Protein backbone atom coordinates (compact mmCIF):
# COMPACT_ATOMS: atom_id res chain seq x y z
CA MET A 1 81.57 92.98 130.80
CA ALA A 2 84.61 93.03 129.56
CA VAL A 3 86.59 90.73 127.36
CA THR A 4 89.34 89.30 128.55
CA ARG A 5 92.51 87.82 126.99
CA LYS A 6 92.63 84.33 129.06
CA GLN A 7 88.80 83.79 127.53
CA ILE A 8 90.73 84.74 123.79
CA LEU A 9 93.44 82.28 124.55
CA ALA A 10 90.71 79.80 125.70
CA ALA A 11 88.98 79.66 122.94
CA LEU A 12 91.26 79.61 120.70
CA GLY A 13 92.83 77.00 122.71
CA GLY A 14 89.86 74.19 121.64
CA ILE A 15 91.12 74.67 118.36
CA ASP A 16 93.47 71.94 116.84
CA ALA A 17 97.04 72.67 115.42
CA PRO A 18 97.24 70.77 111.85
CA SER A 19 101.16 69.27 113.09
CA GLY A 20 99.35 67.16 116.01
CA GLY A 21 101.62 69.64 118.75
CA GLY A 22 98.21 70.35 120.80
CA ASP A 23 96.63 73.31 119.65
CA ILE A 24 97.12 76.44 118.15
CA VAL A 25 97.71 78.52 121.39
CA SER A 26 100.44 75.80 123.04
CA ALA A 27 101.72 75.50 119.42
CA GLY A 28 102.57 79.25 118.94
CA MET A 29 100.84 80.13 116.01
CA VAL A 30 99.09 82.77 118.08
CA ARG A 31 100.50 85.70 117.83
CA ALA A 32 100.61 89.69 118.00
CA LEU A 33 96.53 89.78 119.82
CA VAL A 34 95.14 93.02 120.63
CA ILE A 35 92.03 93.10 122.54
CA GLU A 36 90.49 97.09 122.21
CA GLY A 37 87.28 96.45 123.47
CA GLY A 38 84.33 94.48 121.43
CA ARG A 39 87.10 94.13 118.83
CA VAL A 40 89.99 91.10 118.57
CA ARG A 41 92.78 91.16 116.39
CA PHE A 42 95.87 88.42 115.97
CA VAL A 43 98.49 87.17 113.66
CA LEU A 44 98.28 83.50 112.81
CA GLU A 45 100.85 82.24 111.63
CA GLY A 46 101.82 78.29 110.59
CA ALA A 47 105.43 77.82 109.07
CA SER A 48 104.38 74.41 107.44
CA LEU A 49 100.86 75.27 105.91
CA GLY A 50 99.99 76.15 102.67
CA GLY A 51 97.51 79.15 102.66
CA ALA A 52 93.89 76.85 101.99
CA ALA A 53 94.62 75.13 105.59
CA LEU A 54 95.86 78.39 107.16
CA GLU A 55 92.55 80.14 105.62
CA ALA A 56 90.33 77.45 106.87
CA LEU A 57 91.89 77.44 110.78
CA ALA A 58 90.92 81.54 110.41
CA GLY A 59 87.92 80.61 110.14
CA ALA A 60 87.50 78.42 112.77
CA ALA A 61 89.52 80.90 114.60
CA ARG A 62 87.11 83.20 113.65
CA GLU A 63 83.94 80.91 114.70
CA ALA A 64 85.26 80.15 118.15
CA LEU A 65 85.73 84.14 119.18
CA ALA A 66 82.40 84.87 117.03
CA ARG A 67 80.39 82.78 120.29
CA ILE A 68 82.28 84.84 123.25
CA GLU A 69 79.35 87.93 123.96
CA GLY A 70 81.15 91.45 123.72
CA ILE A 71 83.24 91.14 120.55
CA ASP A 72 82.31 91.96 117.74
CA GLU A 73 84.66 92.16 115.59
CA VAL A 74 87.89 89.63 114.57
CA SER A 75 90.72 89.86 112.38
CA VAL A 76 93.17 87.23 111.26
CA VAL A 77 97.05 87.71 109.99
CA THR A 78 97.39 84.63 108.18
CA THR A 79 101.67 84.56 107.45
CA ALA A 80 103.01 80.74 106.08
CA PRO A 81 105.97 80.59 104.71
CA THR A 82 105.77 77.74 101.94
CA ALA A 83 109.45 76.86 102.13
CA PRO A 84 112.59 77.89 103.82
CA ALA A 85 114.95 80.89 102.74
CA PRO A 86 118.16 79.44 100.77
CA PRO A 87 121.16 80.02 102.20
CA PRO A 88 122.60 84.15 102.03
CA ASP A 89 123.64 84.40 98.41
CA LEU A 90 124.56 87.90 97.74
CA GLN A 91 124.23 87.53 94.14
CA ALA A 92 120.05 85.92 94.55
CA THR A 93 117.98 88.98 94.00
CA ARG A 94 116.45 88.62 91.26
CA PRO A 95 112.78 87.84 92.21
CA ALA A 96 111.60 84.38 89.88
CA ALA A 97 110.12 85.29 85.90
CA SER A 98 107.21 84.25 86.91
CA GLY A 99 106.86 85.72 90.13
CA PRO A 100 105.85 89.99 90.05
CA GLN A 101 101.79 89.81 88.90
CA ARG A 102 99.35 92.72 88.10
CA LEU A 103 96.81 93.52 90.18
CA PRO A 104 93.59 93.52 89.56
CA GLY A 105 92.42 97.08 88.24
CA VAL A 106 95.47 98.89 88.81
CA ALA A 107 97.20 100.34 85.95
CA HIS A 108 100.10 101.60 86.96
CA VAL A 109 102.12 100.74 90.72
CA VAL A 110 105.59 103.15 91.66
CA ALA A 111 107.25 102.77 94.45
CA ILE A 112 108.77 105.72 96.48
CA ALA A 113 112.08 104.49 98.56
CA SER A 114 114.55 106.28 100.35
CA GLY A 115 118.24 104.50 100.95
CA LYS A 116 117.46 105.49 104.84
CA GLY A 117 115.14 107.78 107.13
CA GLY A 118 114.24 110.82 107.20
CA VAL A 119 115.07 112.29 104.49
CA GLY A 120 110.53 113.28 103.53
CA LYS A 121 110.28 110.06 101.77
CA SER A 122 106.52 109.66 102.68
CA THR A 123 105.81 113.51 102.60
CA VAL A 124 106.61 113.09 99.64
CA SER A 125 104.29 110.34 98.91
CA SER A 126 101.91 111.83 100.75
CA ASN A 127 101.23 115.36 98.55
CA LEU A 128 102.15 113.85 95.02
CA ALA A 129 99.52 111.13 95.89
CA VAL A 130 96.75 113.98 96.53
CA ALA A 131 98.50 116.42 93.71
CA LEU A 132 98.53 113.25 90.79
CA ALA A 133 94.35 112.95 92.02
CA ALA A 134 94.56 116.95 91.73
CA GLU A 135 95.52 116.22 88.43
CA GLY A 136 92.48 114.18 88.02
CA ARG A 137 93.82 111.06 87.96
CA ARG A 138 92.49 107.79 90.64
CA VAL A 139 94.80 107.61 93.24
CA GLY A 140 96.05 105.16 95.97
CA LEU A 141 98.73 104.92 98.47
CA LEU A 142 99.42 102.45 100.55
CA ASP A 143 101.93 102.50 103.35
CA ALA A 144 103.91 100.20 102.89
CA ASP A 145 106.40 101.09 105.93
CA VAL A 146 104.86 99.19 108.48
CA PHE A 147 107.41 99.39 111.48
CA GLY A 148 106.90 103.59 110.80
CA PRO A 149 103.95 103.73 109.76
CA SER A 150 103.16 107.75 109.21
CA GLN A 151 100.11 108.00 106.65
CA PRO A 152 96.95 108.34 108.36
CA ARG A 153 98.94 111.44 110.25
CA MET A 154 99.51 112.85 107.17
CA LEU A 155 96.44 111.95 104.91
CA GLY A 156 94.15 112.81 107.92
CA VAL A 157 93.05 109.78 108.58
CA SER A 158 91.36 107.88 111.45
CA GLY A 159 89.16 105.00 112.43
CA ARG A 160 89.76 101.23 110.97
CA PRO A 161 89.02 99.83 107.28
CA ALA A 162 86.11 97.54 107.73
CA SER A 163 86.08 94.41 106.51
CA PRO A 164 82.62 92.86 105.54
CA ASP A 165 83.68 89.46 105.12
CA GLY A 166 86.40 88.73 107.34
CA LYS A 167 88.61 88.40 104.09
CA ILE A 168 88.22 91.86 101.87
CA ILE A 169 89.49 94.89 103.29
CA LEU A 170 87.93 98.41 102.50
CA PRO A 171 90.67 100.82 102.49
CA LEU A 172 89.56 104.69 103.57
CA ARG A 173 89.98 107.52 101.32
CA ASN A 174 90.50 111.94 102.17
CA HIS A 175 91.60 114.26 99.96
CA GLY A 176 90.84 112.51 96.51
CA VAL A 177 93.67 108.96 97.59
CA THR A 178 92.49 105.88 98.44
CA MET A 179 94.85 104.76 101.61
CA MET A 180 95.83 101.59 103.30
CA SER A 181 98.05 101.11 105.82
CA ILE A 182 99.14 99.70 109.25
CA GLY A 183 99.05 101.85 111.02
CA LEU A 184 95.55 102.15 110.67
CA MET A 185 94.84 98.69 112.21
CA THR A 186 97.34 99.61 115.38
CA ALA A 187 97.55 102.71 118.32
CA GLU A 188 99.44 105.28 116.99
CA ASP A 189 102.57 104.50 119.67
CA GLU A 190 101.73 100.94 119.43
CA ALA A 191 105.29 99.36 118.16
CA VAL A 192 104.65 96.92 115.16
CA ILE A 193 106.44 93.49 116.88
CA TRP A 194 107.22 91.10 114.48
CA ARG A 195 109.31 89.05 112.56
CA GLY A 196 110.04 88.56 108.56
CA PRO A 197 107.47 86.35 107.41
CA MET A 198 104.73 87.65 110.02
CA LEU A 199 105.86 90.97 108.02
CA MET A 200 105.86 89.76 105.06
CA GLY A 201 102.20 88.10 105.38
CA ALA A 202 100.88 91.57 106.33
CA LEU A 203 102.72 92.75 103.19
CA GLN A 204 100.58 90.95 100.78
CA GLN A 205 97.61 91.20 102.23
CA MET A 206 97.79 94.95 102.08
CA LEU A 207 98.18 94.21 98.60
CA THR A 208 96.21 91.55 97.45
CA GLN A 209 93.21 91.53 100.21
CA VAL A 210 92.25 95.16 100.37
CA GLN A 211 89.53 96.67 97.56
CA TRP A 212 91.99 98.90 95.73
CA GLY A 213 88.97 99.15 92.90
CA GLU A 214 90.34 101.23 90.03
CA LEU A 215 93.06 102.86 90.19
CA ASP A 216 95.62 105.22 87.36
CA VAL A 217 98.01 104.44 90.02
CA LEU A 218 99.03 103.01 93.39
CA LEU A 219 101.60 104.45 95.43
CA VAL A 220 103.77 102.16 97.17
CA ASP A 221 105.34 104.04 100.69
CA LEU A 222 108.50 102.29 101.05
CA PRO A 223 110.70 101.73 103.53
CA PRO A 224 114.08 103.21 104.16
CA GLY A 225 116.95 100.62 103.02
CA THR A 226 117.09 97.65 101.22
CA GLY A 227 115.15 95.32 103.29
CA ASP A 228 112.58 92.63 103.19
CA VAL A 229 109.98 95.06 102.44
CA GLN A 230 111.15 96.08 99.19
CA MET A 231 112.50 92.45 98.12
CA THR A 232 108.65 91.73 98.64
CA LEU A 233 106.87 94.21 96.58
CA ALA A 234 108.76 93.80 93.50
CA GLN A 235 108.56 89.78 93.66
CA LYS A 236 104.97 89.87 93.95
CA VAL A 237 103.92 93.08 92.28
CA ARG A 238 105.43 94.36 88.52
CA LEU A 239 106.61 98.04 89.51
CA ASP A 240 106.45 100.15 87.13
CA GLY A 241 109.01 101.88 88.47
CA ALA A 242 110.43 103.32 91.29
CA ILE A 243 111.44 107.09 92.51
CA ILE A 244 113.95 107.62 95.61
CA VAL A 245 114.04 110.43 97.04
CA SER A 246 117.46 111.56 98.71
CA THR A 247 118.53 115.15 100.73
CA PRO A 248 121.72 116.55 99.13
CA GLN A 249 124.01 115.35 101.52
CA ASP A 250 127.10 113.24 100.71
CA VAL A 251 125.62 109.87 103.33
CA ALA A 252 121.52 110.66 102.69
CA LEU A 253 122.60 110.23 98.62
CA LEU A 254 125.35 106.61 99.31
CA ASP A 255 122.42 104.53 100.68
CA ALA A 256 120.45 105.86 97.68
CA ARG A 257 122.74 104.46 95.60
CA LYS A 258 122.08 101.17 97.39
CA GLY A 259 118.66 101.50 97.14
CA ILE A 260 118.82 102.50 93.54
CA ASP A 261 121.37 99.58 92.54
CA MET A 262 118.47 96.81 94.69
CA PHE A 263 115.81 97.83 91.85
CA ALA A 264 118.68 97.60 89.39
CA ARG A 265 118.77 93.48 89.91
CA MET A 266 115.10 93.37 90.36
CA ASP A 267 114.82 94.24 86.59
CA VAL A 268 112.73 97.76 88.19
CA PRO A 269 113.33 100.90 86.40
CA ILE A 270 113.88 103.94 88.02
CA LEU A 271 110.95 106.51 87.01
CA GLY A 272 113.48 109.61 88.56
CA LEU A 273 115.61 110.65 91.48
CA ILE A 274 113.41 113.99 94.30
CA GLU A 275 116.30 116.05 95.64
CA ASN A 276 113.98 117.09 99.23
CA MET A 277 115.37 119.44 101.66
CA SER A 278 117.88 121.17 98.54
CA THR A 279 117.58 124.66 100.27
CA HIS A 280 116.18 126.81 102.52
CA ILE A 281 114.65 130.67 102.03
CA CYS A 282 114.69 132.28 105.25
CA SER A 283 111.34 133.69 106.08
CA GLN A 284 112.20 136.69 107.73
CA CYS A 285 115.35 138.02 105.34
CA GLY A 286 114.66 136.45 101.98
CA HIS A 287 118.49 134.84 102.13
CA GLU A 288 118.97 131.20 100.41
CA GLU A 289 120.68 128.71 101.72
CA HIS A 290 121.90 124.79 100.95
CA THR A 291 121.05 122.89 104.54
CA PHE A 292 122.20 120.09 103.19
CA GLY A 293 124.59 120.59 100.55
CA HIS A 294 122.85 120.88 97.02
CA GLY A 295 123.53 119.54 93.94
CA GLY A 296 123.90 116.19 94.84
CA VAL A 297 120.85 114.55 93.67
CA ARG A 298 121.05 115.88 90.37
CA ALA A 299 124.60 114.98 90.11
CA GLN A 300 123.68 111.40 90.62
CA ALA A 301 120.70 111.69 88.03
CA ALA A 302 122.78 112.70 85.55
CA ARG A 303 125.17 110.27 85.83
CA MET A 304 122.21 107.48 85.86
CA GLY A 305 120.55 109.06 83.00
CA VAL A 306 117.23 109.42 84.42
CA PRO A 307 115.33 112.53 85.40
CA LEU A 308 115.70 115.23 87.69
CA LEU A 309 112.05 114.81 89.37
CA ALA A 310 112.65 118.41 91.76
CA GLU A 311 114.43 119.93 93.48
CA LEU A 312 111.82 120.07 96.56
CA PRO A 313 112.51 123.07 99.44
CA LEU A 314 112.86 122.77 103.11
CA HIS A 315 110.08 124.64 104.01
CA LEU A 316 107.82 125.36 107.84
CA ASP A 317 105.09 124.57 105.45
CA ILE A 318 105.08 122.00 104.06
CA ARG A 319 105.82 120.33 107.24
CA LEU A 320 102.82 121.77 109.11
CA ALA A 321 100.80 120.78 106.87
CA SER A 322 101.96 117.30 106.60
CA ASP A 323 101.36 116.95 111.43
CA GLY A 324 97.73 118.50 110.55
CA GLY A 325 96.37 115.59 108.29
CA ALA A 326 96.19 117.93 105.50
CA PRO A 327 99.47 117.77 103.02
CA ILE A 328 100.41 121.07 101.06
CA VAL A 329 98.81 120.04 98.14
CA ALA A 330 95.61 120.20 99.42
CA SER A 331 95.64 122.48 102.56
CA ASN A 332 97.62 125.56 100.52
CA PRO A 333 97.51 124.03 96.27
CA ASP A 334 98.55 127.66 95.11
CA SER A 335 101.71 128.18 96.75
CA PRO A 336 105.10 127.30 95.18
CA GLN A 337 105.55 124.32 97.30
CA ALA A 338 102.67 122.82 96.51
CA ARG A 339 103.08 123.66 92.92
CA ALA A 340 106.42 121.60 92.74
CA PHE A 341 104.90 118.31 93.72
CA ARG A 342 101.78 119.37 91.00
CA ASP A 343 105.19 119.88 88.40
CA ILE A 344 105.99 116.08 89.25
CA ALA A 345 103.16 114.85 88.81
CA ARG A 346 102.78 116.37 85.81
CA ARG A 347 105.66 114.73 84.55
CA LEU A 348 104.56 111.40 85.41
CA ILE A 349 101.24 111.75 83.45
CA GLU A 350 102.77 112.81 80.55
CA ALA A 351 105.08 110.27 80.62
CA GLY A 352 102.49 107.53 81.10
CA GLN A 353 103.83 106.58 84.28
CA ALA A 354 100.61 107.53 85.83
């Protein structure tokens, strides 16, 4: 007999809310409840609770649901902001001095960012991760683009990560890359409708509760823009640097400069810029054209005094490989397109950044 939402809410309704406002369901602490056969997952939000108290409630919720016949697995994401947000202050963008911490066992953490969507940041992230693995590095890839996770598709990874104790999350692996994404926790066509505190709690859990193991480098595929995810990452984790991906067109560069400024304000060094979709060569006649312009990213890198890591082509094979779950570096390693990513990987290794 299938487990119903009514059964689950009834069981959770037997757990008292610490605030004295009834149970955790009526108090609005249970969010984003999803049932998939015998698997149940939800977010437990406690706006005024400490981490220990919220984890105790999560444990009680797991025990209550474990008693329901037909439930095989319970996943609870906790989120508990510890203090109200300060009033808006456009200057207060630097993290606290004691904030960013090293991830245990991870030698380097590098953010892959873009000012706007659609510039190929996730494609670059997956190919660069596979390229670094091909160079002998131990590589992790965190898909932090929570609202638009694409790395499960690009790396050909499916299935749900296991959690032996309900706390530690075991990541998945393919093409030599250890990967974690919120997309592994949701259906491919299911929207993630989370507010800021829930989003930040999920990100922190993917950073600190995933069993990454010993890594030479962890790449973090960020969402576009300069929002909560970027700020939280820079405040919680000591980043070795960021790589900015942009197309050469002016509107993309305008947004890329905002991303560069954000990282500068948060004391995160820029390791280099990548111009994606830099040129297109016709497969029929060999004519080369610059569909989105050319040289804008190179000029920006020169103004900043940082490396231009690559000018990557707009090529059908790169897109087909990513959609097929085997990035071009893995599916056609001897192609000119794959060699371009391998060159970026070697530059980062030689510079001691990966």
